[in-house]
PDB file of all heavy atoms in Angstrom:
ATOM      1  N   LEU A   1      53.248-377.341 122.974  1.00  0.00           N
ATOM      2  CA  LEU A   1      52.778-375.958 122.981  1.00  0.00           C
ATOM      3  C   LEU A   1      51.286-375.956 123.293  1.00  0.00           C
ATOM      4  O   LEU A   1      50.532-376.610 122.588  1.00  0.00           O
ATOM      5  CB  LEU A   1      53.053-375.301 121.646  1.00  0.00           C
ATOM      6  CG  LEU A   1      52.418-373.918 121.416  1.00  0.00           C
ATOM      7  CD1 LEU A   1      52.899-372.897 122.428  1.00  0.00           C
ATOM      8  CD2 LEU A   1      52.726-373.441 119.984  1.00  0.00           C
ATOM      9  N   VAL A   2      50.886-375.246 124.327  1.00  0.00           N
ATOM     10  CA  VAL A   2      49.476-375.104 124.711  1.00  0.00           C
ATOM     11  C   VAL A   2      49.021-373.679 124.398  1.00  0.00           C
ATOM     12  O   VAL A   2      49.593-372.739 124.955  1.00  0.00           O
ATOM     13  CB  VAL A   2      49.268-375.455 126.202  1.00  0.00           C
ATOM     14  CG1 VAL A   2      47.820-375.211 126.615  1.00  0.00           C
ATOM     15  CG2 VAL A   2      49.699-376.875 126.495  1.00  0.00           C
ATOM     16  N   VAL A   3      48.042-373.560 123.524  1.00  0.00           N
ATOM     17  CA  VAL A   3      47.560-372.249 123.151  1.00  0.00           C
ATOM     18  C   VAL A   3      46.089-372.121 123.612  1.00  0.00           C
ATOM     19  O   VAL A   3      45.217-372.811 123.126  1.00  0.00           O
ATOM     20  CB  VAL A   3      47.617-372.022 121.599  1.00  0.00           C
ATOM     21  CG1 VAL A   3      47.226-370.578 121.269  1.00  0.00           C
ATOM     22  CG2 VAL A   3      49.033-372.350 121.081  1.00  0.00           C
ATOM     23  N   GLU A   4      45.887-371.315 124.617  1.00  0.00           N
ATOM     24  CA  GLU A   4      44.598-371.206 125.301  1.00  0.00           C
ATOM     25  C   GLU A   4      44.449-369.808 125.894  1.00  0.00           C
ATOM     26  O   GLU A   4      45.360-369.379 126.606  1.00  0.00           O
ATOM     27  CB  GLU A   4      44.512-372.277 126.393  1.00  0.00           C
ATOM     28  CG  GLU A   4      43.372-372.179 127.354  1.00  0.00           C
ATOM     29  CD  GLU A   4      42.015-372.319 126.717  1.00  0.00           C
ATOM     30  OE1 GLU A   4      41.694-373.402 126.182  1.00  0.00           O
ATOM     31  OE2 GLU A   4      41.247-371.321 126.726  1.00  0.00           O
ATOM     32  N   ASP A   5      43.334-369.147 125.636  1.00  0.00           N
ATOM     33  CA  ASP A   5      43.155-367.795 126.151  1.00  0.00           C
ATOM     34  C   ASP A   5      42.676-367.776 127.597  1.00  0.00           C
ATOM     35  O   ASP A   5      42.915-366.808 128.329  1.00  0.00           O
ATOM     36  CB  ASP A   5      42.210-366.971 125.277  1.00  0.00           C
ATOM     37  CG  ASP A   5      40.799-367.576 125.208  1.00  0.00           C
ATOM     38  OD1 ASP A   5      40.689-368.805 125.103  1.00  0.00           O
ATOM     39  OD2 ASP A   5      39.838-366.801 125.253  1.00  0.00           O
ATOM     40  N   ASP A   6      42.038-368.834 128.042  1.00  0.00           N
ATOM     41  CA  ASP A   6      41.541-368.885 129.428  1.00  0.00           C
ATOM     42  C   ASP A   6      42.731-369.294 130.337  1.00  0.00           C
ATOM     43  O   ASP A   6      43.263-370.425 130.250  1.00  0.00           O
ATOM     44  CB  ASP A   6      40.392-369.871 129.571  1.00  0.00           C
ATOM     45  CG  ASP A   6      39.918-369.954 130.963  1.00  0.00           C
ATOM     46  OD1 ASP A   6      39.264-369.010 131.429  1.00  0.00           O
ATOM     47  OD2 ASP A   6      40.210-370.987 131.631  1.00  0.00           O
ATOM     48  N   GLU A   7      43.084-368.399 131.218  1.00  0.00           N
ATOM     49  CA  GLU A   7      44.295-368.609 132.081  1.00  0.00           C
ATOM     50  C   GLU A   7      44.175-369.875 132.956  1.00  0.00           C
ATOM     51  O   GLU A   7      45.103-370.628 133.106  1.00  0.00           O
ATOM     52  CB  GLU A   7      44.551-367.405 132.957  1.00  0.00           C
ATOM     53  CG  GLU A   7      45.794-367.538 133.791  1.00  0.00           C
ATOM     54  CD  GLU A   7      46.084-366.299 134.627  1.00  0.00           C
ATOM     55  OE1 GLU A   7      45.336-365.319 134.548  1.00  0.00           O
ATOM     56  OE2 GLU A   7      47.094-366.322 135.335  1.00  0.00           O
ATOM     57  N   VAL A   8      43.007-370.077 133.518  1.00  0.00           N
ATOM     58  CA  VAL A   8      42.808-371.247 134.412  1.00  0.00           C
ATOM     59  C   VAL A   8      42.978-372.532 133.592  1.00  0.00           C
ATOM     60  O   VAL A   8      43.686-373.472 134.011  1.00  0.00           O
ATOM     61  CB  VAL A   8      41.448-371.185 135.110  1.00  0.00           C
ATOM     62  CG1 VAL A   8      41.150-372.464 135.863  1.00  0.00           C
ATOM     63  CG2 VAL A   8      41.394-369.997 136.030  1.00  0.00           C
ATOM     64  N   SER A   9      42.324-372.609 132.445  1.00  0.00           N
ATOM     65  CA  SER A   9      42.444-373.798 131.603  1.00  0.00           C
ATOM     66  C   SER A   9      43.878-374.040 131.130  1.00  0.00           C
ATOM     67  O   SER A   9      44.358-375.135 131.146  1.00  0.00           O
ATOM     68  CB  SER A   9      41.511-373.684 130.391  1.00  0.00           C
ATOM     69  OG  SER A   9      40.170-373.615 130.764  1.00  0.00           O
ATOM     70  N   ARG A  10      44.531-372.929 130.706  1.00  0.00           N
ATOM     71  CA  ARG A  10      45.892-373.005 130.226  1.00  0.00           C
ATOM     72  C   ARG A  10      46.822-373.544 131.319  1.00  0.00           C
ATOM     73  O   ARG A  10      47.634-374.436 131.075  1.00  0.00           O
ATOM     74  CB  ARG A  10      46.341-371.600 129.770  1.00  0.00           C
ATOM     75  CG  ARG A  10      47.696-371.561 129.129  1.00  0.00           C
ATOM     76  CD  ARG A  10      47.988-370.161 128.575  1.00  0.00           C
ATOM     77  NE  ARG A  10      47.976-369.133 129.583  1.00  0.00           N
ATOM     78  CZ  ARG A  10      47.177-368.057 129.550  1.00  0.00           C
ATOM     79  NH1 ARG A  10      46.315-367.867 128.593  1.00  0.00           N
ATOM     80  NH2 ARG A  10      47.261-367.148 130.521  1.00  0.00           N
ATOM     81  N   GLU A  11      46.693-373.043 132.531  1.00  0.00           N
ATOM     82  CA  GLU A  11      47.548-373.509 133.636  1.00  0.00           C
ATOM     83  C   GLU A  11      47.252-374.941 134.053  1.00  0.00           C
ATOM     84  O   GLU A  11      48.154-375.686 134.405  1.00  0.00           O
ATOM     85  CB  GLU A  11      47.462-372.540 134.806  1.00  0.00           C
ATOM     86  CG  GLU A  11      48.151-371.221 134.541  1.00  0.00           C
ATOM     87  CD  GLU A  11      49.629-371.414 134.160  1.00  0.00           C
ATOM     88  OE1 GLU A  11      50.379-371.995 134.920  1.00  0.00           O
ATOM     89  OE2 GLU A  11      49.986-370.964 133.056  1.00  0.00           O
ATOM     90  N   LEU A  12      45.981-375.306 134.023  1.00  0.00           N
ATOM     91  CA  LEU A  12      45.601-376.689 134.366  1.00  0.00           C
ATOM     92  C   LEU A  12      46.253-377.671 133.368  1.00  0.00           C
ATOM     93  O   LEU A  12      46.845-378.695 133.786  1.00  0.00           O
ATOM     94  CB  LEU A  12      44.101-376.857 134.352  1.00  0.00           C
ATOM     95  CG  LEU A  12      43.569-378.247 134.653  1.00  0.00           C
ATOM     96  CD1 LEU A  12      43.964-378.689 136.078  1.00  0.00           C
ATOM     97  CD2 LEU A  12      42.064-378.270 134.523  1.00  0.00           C
ATOM     98  N   VAL A  13      46.139-377.366 132.097  1.00  0.00           N
ATOM     99  CA  VAL A  13      46.755-378.239 131.104  1.00  0.00           C
ATOM    100  C   VAL A  13      48.285-378.260 131.238  1.00  0.00           C
ATOM    101  O   VAL A  13      48.916-379.315 131.227  1.00  0.00           O
ATOM    102  CB  VAL A  13      46.338-377.801 129.683  1.00  0.00           C
ATOM    103  CG1 VAL A  13      47.125-378.572 128.604  1.00  0.00           C
ATOM    104  CG2 VAL A  13      44.855-377.960 129.455  1.00  0.00           C
ATOM    105  N   ARG A  14      48.880-377.070 131.437  1.00  0.00           N
ATOM    106  CA  ARG A  14      50.318-376.994 131.607  1.00  0.00           C
ATOM    107  C   ARG A  14      50.797-377.844 132.785  1.00  0.00           C
ATOM    108  O   ARG A  14      51.725-378.660 132.656  1.00  0.00           O
ATOM    109  CB  ARG A  14      50.774-375.544 131.834  1.00  0.00           C
ATOM    110  CG  ARG A  14      52.303-375.410 132.010  1.00  0.00           C
ATOM    111  CD  ARG A  14      52.708-374.024 132.412  1.00  0.00           C
ATOM    112  NE  ARG A  14      52.157-373.638 133.709  1.00  0.00           N
ATOM    113  CZ  ARG A  14      52.594-374.042 134.892  1.00  0.00           C
ATOM    114  NH1 ARG A  14      53.604-374.883 134.973  1.00  0.00           N
ATOM    115  NH2 ARG A  14      52.006-373.647 136.016  1.00  0.00           N
ATOM    116  N   MET A  15      50.163-377.677 133.951  1.00  0.00           N
ATOM    117  CA  MET A  15      50.572-378.428 135.126  1.00  0.00           C
ATOM    118  C   MET A  15      50.388-379.952 134.948  1.00  0.00           C
ATOM    119  O   MET A  15      51.254-380.743 135.345  1.00  0.00           O
ATOM    120  CB  MET A  15      49.789-377.972 136.339  1.00  0.00           C
ATOM    121  CG  MET A  15      50.206-376.599 136.818  1.00  0.00           C
ATOM    122  SD  MET A  15      49.422-376.077 138.380  1.00  0.00           S
ATOM    123  CE  MET A  15      47.682-376.303 138.056  1.00  0.00           C
ATOM    124  N   THR A  16      49.288-380.339 134.339  1.00  0.00           N
ATOM    125  CA  THR A  16      49.015-381.757 134.101  1.00  0.00           C
ATOM    126  C   THR A  16      50.091-382.378 133.202  1.00  0.00           C
ATOM    127  O   THR A  16      50.607-383.464 133.476  1.00  0.00           O
ATOM    128  CB  THR A  16      47.655-381.948 133.447  1.00  0.00           C
ATOM    129  OG1 THR A  16      46.655-381.398 134.337  1.00  0.00           O
ATOM    130  CG2 THR A  16      47.326-383.406 133.210  1.00  0.00           C
ATOM    131  N   LEU A  17      50.452-381.684 132.127  1.00  0.00           N
ATOM    132  CA  LEU A  17      51.458-382.200 131.222  1.00  0.00           C
ATOM    133  C   LEU A  17      52.862-382.230 131.846  1.00  0.00           C
ATOM    134  O   LEU A  17      53.596-383.187 131.647  1.00  0.00           O
ATOM    135  CB  LEU A  17      51.448-381.389 129.913  1.00  0.00           C
ATOM    136  CG  LEU A  17      50.201-381.533 129.052  1.00  0.00           C
ATOM    137  CD1 LEU A  17      50.203-380.528 127.933  1.00  0.00           C
ATOM    138  CD2 LEU A  17      50.088-382.960 128.524  1.00  0.00           C
ATOM    139  N   GLU A  18      53.199-381.164 132.582  1.00  0.00           N
ATOM    140  CA  GLU A  18      54.489-381.138 133.229  1.00  0.00           C
ATOM    141  C   GLU A  18      54.662-382.248 134.254  1.00  0.00           C
ATOM    142  O   GLU A  18      55.720-382.846 134.366  1.00  0.00           O
ATOM    143  CB  GLU A  18      54.695-379.758 133.907  1.00  0.00           C
ATOM    144  CG  GLU A  18      55.026-378.675 132.889  1.00  0.00           C
ATOM    145  CD  GLU A  18      55.216-377.301 133.501  1.00  0.00           C
ATOM    146  OE1 GLU A  18      54.875-377.088 134.682  1.00  0.00           O
ATOM    147  OE2 GLU A  18      55.731-376.436 132.771  1.00  0.00           O
ATOM    148  N   ARG A  19      53.591-382.562 134.935  1.00  0.00           N
ATOM    149  CA  ARG A  19      53.615-383.673 135.912  1.00  0.00           C
ATOM    150  C   ARG A  19      53.896-385.001 135.238  1.00  0.00           C
ATOM    151  O   ARG A  19      54.379-385.942 135.868  1.00  0.00           O
ATOM    152  CB  ARG A  19      52.331-383.752 136.725  1.00  0.00           C
ATOM    153  CG  ARG A  19      52.230-382.748 137.796  1.00  0.00           C
ATOM    154  CD  ARG A  19      51.050-383.051 138.697  1.00  0.00           C
ATOM    155  NE  ARG A  19      50.623-381.810 139.326  1.00  0.00           N
ATOM    156  CZ  ARG A  19      49.405-381.342 139.415  1.00  0.00           C
ATOM    157  NH1 ARG A  19      48.396-382.036 138.904  1.00  0.00           N
ATOM    158  NH2 ARG A  19      49.121-380.220 139.997  1.00  0.00           N
ATOM    159  N   ARG A  20      53.548-385.085 133.982  1.00  0.00           N
ATOM    160  CA  ARG A  20      53.764-386.300 133.193  1.00  0.00           C
ATOM    161  C   ARG A  20      55.081-386.296 132.425  1.00  0.00           C
ATOM    162  O   ARG A  20      55.324-387.123 131.584  1.00  0.00           O
ATOM    163  CB  ARG A  20      52.599-386.544 132.323  1.00  0.00           C
ATOM    164  CG  ARG A  20      51.380-387.028 133.094  1.00  0.00           C
ATOM    165  CD  ARG A  20      50.107-387.020 132.306  1.00  0.00           C
ATOM    166  NE  ARG A  20      48.996-387.562 133.059  1.00  0.00           N
ATOM    167  CZ  ARG A  20      48.377-387.027 134.083  1.00  0.00           C
ATOM    168  NH1 ARG A  20      48.794-385.880 134.554  1.00  0.00           N
ATOM    169  NH2 ARG A  20      47.356-387.611 134.683  1.00  0.00           N
ATOM    170  N   GLY A  21      55.915-385.289 132.715  1.00  0.00           N
ATOM    171  CA  GLY A  21      57.269-385.257 132.153  1.00  0.00           C
ATOM    172  C   GLY A  21      57.466-384.489 130.860  1.00  0.00           C
ATOM    173  O   GLY A  21      58.556-384.573 130.270  1.00  0.00           O
ATOM    174  N   TYR A  22      56.479-383.798 130.428  1.00  0.00           N
ATOM    175  CA  TYR A  22      56.597-382.993 129.208  1.00  0.00           C
ATOM    176  C   TYR A  22      57.149-381.580 129.494  1.00  0.00           C
ATOM    177  O   TYR A  22      56.814-381.001 130.533  1.00  0.00           O
ATOM    178  CB  TYR A  22      55.281-382.862 128.461  1.00  0.00           C
ATOM    179  CG  TYR A  22      54.722-384.206 127.966  1.00  0.00           C
ATOM    180  CD1 TYR A  22      53.764-384.891 128.710  1.00  0.00           C
ATOM    181  CD2 TYR A  22      55.200-384.759 126.813  1.00  0.00           C
ATOM    182  CE1 TYR A  22      53.293-386.088 128.291  1.00  0.00           C
ATOM    183  CE2 TYR A  22      54.720-385.986 126.387  1.00  0.00           C
ATOM    184  CZ  TYR A  22      53.768-386.627 127.106  1.00  0.00           C
ATOM    185  OH  TYR A  22      53.296-387.833 126.702  1.00  0.00           O
ATOM    186  N   ALA A  23      57.906-381.040 128.572  1.00  0.00           N
ATOM    187  CA  ALA A  23      58.250-379.595 128.605  1.00  0.00           C
ATOM    188  C   ALA A  23      57.077-378.881 127.978  1.00  0.00           C
ATOM    189  O   ALA A  23      56.622-379.267 126.890  1.00  0.00           O
ATOM    190  CB  ALA A  23      59.522-379.353 127.837  1.00  0.00           C
ATOM    191  N   VAL A  24      56.588-377.843 128.621  1.00  0.00           N
ATOM    192  CA  VAL A  24      55.367-377.144 128.133  1.00  0.00           C
ATOM    193  C   VAL A  24      55.681-375.687 127.938  1.00  0.00           C
ATOM    194  O   VAL A  24      56.261-375.026 128.799  1.00  0.00           O
ATOM    195  CB  VAL A  24      54.208-377.316 129.131  1.00  0.00           C
ATOM    196  CG1 VAL A  24      52.954-376.605 128.599  1.00  0.00           C
ATOM    197  CG2 VAL A  24      53.886-378.813 129.344  1.00  0.00           C
ATOM    198  N   VAL A  25      55.262-375.188 126.772  1.00  0.00           N
ATOM    199  CA  VAL A  25      55.320-373.782 126.466  1.00  0.00           C
ATOM    200  C   VAL A  25      53.874-373.352 126.268  1.00  0.00           C
ATOM    201  O   VAL A  25      53.069-374.069 125.706  1.00  0.00           O
ATOM    202  CB  VAL A  25      56.119-373.532 125.158  1.00  0.00           C
ATOM    203  CG1 VAL A  25      56.137-372.086 124.794  1.00  0.00           C
ATOM    204  CG2 VAL A  25      57.505-374.088 125.291  1.00  0.00           C
ATOM    205  N   VAL A  26      53.513-372.148 126.763  1.00  0.00           N
ATOM    206  CA  VAL A  26      52.160-371.690 126.651  1.00  0.00           C
ATOM    207  C   VAL A  26      52.056-370.367 125.899  1.00  0.00           C
ATOM    208  O   VAL A  26      53.019-369.582 125.826  1.00  0.00           O
ATOM    209  CB  VAL A  26      51.504-371.519 128.034  1.00  0.00           C
ATOM    210  CG1 VAL A  26      51.399-372.834 128.789  1.00  0.00           C
ATOM    211  CG2 VAL A  26      52.222-370.470 128.860  1.00  0.00           C
ATOM    212  N   ALA A  27      50.888-370.152 125.296  1.00  0.00           N
ATOM    213  CA  ALA A  27      50.593-368.893 124.607  1.00  0.00           C
ATOM    214  C   ALA A  27      49.112-368.604 124.820  1.00  0.00           C
ATOM    215  O   ALA A  27      48.296-369.532 124.983  1.00  0.00           O
ATOM    216  CB  ALA A  27      50.909-368.982 123.125  1.00  0.00           C
ATOM    217  N   GLU A  28      48.760-367.327 124.868  1.00  0.00           N
ATOM    218  CA  GLU A  28      47.374-366.940 125.191  1.00  0.00           C
ATOM    219  C   GLU A  28      46.506-366.655 123.966  1.00  0.00           C
ATOM    220  O   GLU A  28      45.312-366.414 124.102  1.00  0.00           O
ATOM    221  CB  GLU A  28      47.371-365.691 126.103  1.00  0.00           C
ATOM    222  CG  GLU A  28      48.014-364.492 125.497  1.00  0.00           C
ATOM    223  CD  GLU A  28      49.527-364.459 125.578  1.00  0.00           C
ATOM    224  OE1 GLU A  28      50.127-365.236 126.335  1.00  0.00           O
ATOM    225  OE2 GLU A  28      50.127-363.627 124.888  1.00  0.00           O
ATOM    226  N   ASP A  29      47.053-366.683 122.755  1.00  0.00           N
ATOM    227  CA  ASP A  29      46.248-366.522 121.543  1.00  0.00           C
ATOM    228  C   ASP A  29      46.999-367.120 120.340  1.00  0.00           C
ATOM    229  O   ASP A  29      48.153-367.498 120.445  1.00  0.00           O
ATOM    230  CB  ASP A  29      45.875-365.062 121.316  1.00  0.00           C
ATOM    231  CG  ASP A  29      47.080-364.151 121.113  1.00  0.00           C
ATOM    232  OD1 ASP A  29      47.983-364.484 120.317  1.00  0.00           O
ATOM    233  OD2 ASP A  29      47.097-363.092 121.750  1.00  0.00           O
ATOM    234  N   GLY A  30      46.305-367.165 119.205  1.00  0.00           N
ATOM    235  CA  GLY A  30      46.874-367.770 118.019  1.00  0.00           C
ATOM    236  C   GLY A  30      48.102-367.019 117.467  1.00  0.00           C
ATOM    237  O   GLY A  30      48.967-367.643 116.890  1.00  0.00           O
ATOM    238  N   VAL A  31      48.131-365.718 117.622  1.00  0.00           N
ATOM    239  CA  VAL A  31      49.293-364.944 117.131  1.00  0.00           C
ATOM    240  C   VAL A  31      50.556-365.364 117.898  1.00  0.00           C
ATOM    241  O   VAL A  31      51.568-365.709 117.292  1.00  0.00           O
ATOM    242  CB  VAL A  31      49.030-363.409 117.290  1.00  0.00           C
ATOM    243  CG1 VAL A  31      50.305-362.635 116.976  1.00  0.00           C
ATOM    244  CG2 VAL A  31      47.888-362.978 116.411  1.00  0.00           C
ATOM    245  N   ARG A  32      50.470-365.293 119.185  1.00  0.00           N
ATOM    246  CA  ARG A  32      51.656-365.697 120.024  1.00  0.00           C
ATOM    247  C   ARG A  32      51.914-367.196 119.902  1.00  0.00           C
ATOM    248  O   ARG A  32      53.054-367.631 119.907  1.00  0.00           O
ATOM    249  CB  ARG A  32      51.411-365.280 121.482  1.00  0.00           C
ATOM    250  CG  ARG A  32      52.644-365.515 122.339  1.00  0.00           C
ATOM    251  CD  ARG A  32      53.775-364.585 121.958  1.00  0.00           C
ATOM    252  NE  ARG A  32      54.937-364.967 122.725  1.00  0.00           N
ATOM    253  CZ  ARG A  32      56.133-365.142 122.192  1.00  0.00           C
ATOM    254  NH1 ARG A  32      56.368-364.919 120.939  1.00  0.00           N
ATOM    255  NH2 ARG A  32      57.157-365.474 122.955  1.00  0.00           N
ATOM    256  N   GLY A  33      50.843-367.995 119.756  1.00  0.00           N
ATOM    257  CA  GLY A  33      51.003-369.423 119.569  1.00  0.00           C
ATOM    258  C   GLY A  33      51.808-369.754 118.307  1.00  0.00           C
ATOM    259  O   GLY A  33      52.695-370.603 118.329  1.00  0.00           O
ATOM    260  N   TYR A  34      51.516-369.050 117.224  1.00  0.00           N
ATOM    261  CA  TYR A  34      52.266-369.254 115.970  1.00  0.00           C
ATOM    262  C   TYR A  34      53.745-368.896 116.168  1.00  0.00           C
ATOM    263  O   TYR A  34      54.626-369.610 115.756  1.00  0.00           O
ATOM    264  CB  TYR A  34      51.634-368.462 114.815  1.00  0.00           C
ATOM    265  CG  TYR A  34      52.442-368.588 113.563  1.00  0.00           C
ATOM    266  CD1 TYR A  34      52.356-369.742 112.791  1.00  0.00           C
ATOM    267  CD2 TYR A  34      53.276-367.576 113.129  1.00  0.00           C
ATOM    268  CE1 TYR A  34      53.125-369.891 111.638  1.00  0.00           C
ATOM    269  CE2 TYR A  34      54.010-367.692 111.985  1.00  0.00           C
ATOM    270  CZ  TYR A  34      53.933-368.833 111.200  1.00  0.00           C
ATOM    271  OH  TYR A  34      54.656-368.974 110.056  1.00  0.00           O
ATOM    272  N   GLU A  35      53.965-367.744 116.825  1.00  0.00           N
ATOM    273  CA  GLU A  35      55.355-367.338 117.071  1.00  0.00           C
ATOM    274  C   GLU A  35      56.092-368.379 117.895  1.00  0.00           C
ATOM    275  O   GLU A  35      57.221-368.700 117.579  1.00  0.00           O
ATOM    276  CB  GLU A  35      55.353-365.985 117.810  1.00  0.00           C
ATOM    277  CG  GLU A  35      54.864-364.825 117.001  1.00  0.00           C
ATOM    278  CD  GLU A  35      54.627-363.551 117.800  1.00  0.00           C
ATOM    279  OE1 GLU A  35      54.769-363.586 119.064  1.00  0.00           O
ATOM    280  OE2 GLU A  35      54.255-362.530 117.206  1.00  0.00           O
ATOM    281  N   GLN A  36      55.438-368.901 118.922  1.00  0.00           N
ATOM    282  CA  GLN A  36      56.066-369.900 119.768  1.00  0.00           C
ATOM    283  C   GLN A  36      56.328-371.189 118.972  1.00  0.00           C
ATOM    284  O   GLN A  36      57.324-371.897 119.193  1.00  0.00           O
ATOM    285  CB  GLN A  36      55.163-370.226 120.979  1.00  0.00           C
ATOM    286  CG  GLN A  36      55.061-369.126 121.989  1.00  0.00           C
ATOM    287  CD  GLN A  36      56.286-369.078 122.891  1.00  0.00           C
ATOM    288  OE1 GLN A  36      57.347-369.594 122.608  1.00  0.00           O
ATOM    289  NE2 GLN A  36      56.142-368.388 123.997  1.00  0.00           N
ATOM    290  N   ALA A  37      55.391-371.547 118.081  1.00  0.00           N
ATOM    291  CA  ALA A  37      55.566-372.750 117.251  1.00  0.00           C
ATOM    292  C   ALA A  37      56.776-372.627 116.350  1.00  0.00           C
ATOM    293  O   ALA A  37      57.582-373.570 116.230  1.00  0.00           O
ATOM    294  CB  ALA A  37      54.297-373.026 116.448  1.00  0.00           C
ATOM    295  N   VAL A  38      56.954-371.479 115.724  1.00  0.00           N
ATOM    296  CA  VAL A  38      58.071-371.265 114.819  1.00  0.00           C
ATOM    297  C   VAL A  38      59.374-371.239 115.612  1.00  0.00           C
ATOM    298  O   VAL A  38      60.363-371.870 115.215  1.00  0.00           O
ATOM    299  CB  VAL A  38      57.871-369.974 113.992  1.00  0.00           C
ATOM    300  CG1 VAL A  38      59.151-369.623 113.224  1.00  0.00           C
ATOM    301  CG2 VAL A  38      56.691-370.112 113.052  1.00  0.00           C
TER     302      VAL A  38
END
């Protein structure tokens, strides 16, 4: 789970991790990040 408010940073991390074989879920703030974690 990648929780990052900056869209460019969030997408860069997501793409990097996906290229390495991870399933990635993203959220733009801590509220949504907590929901995604649960």
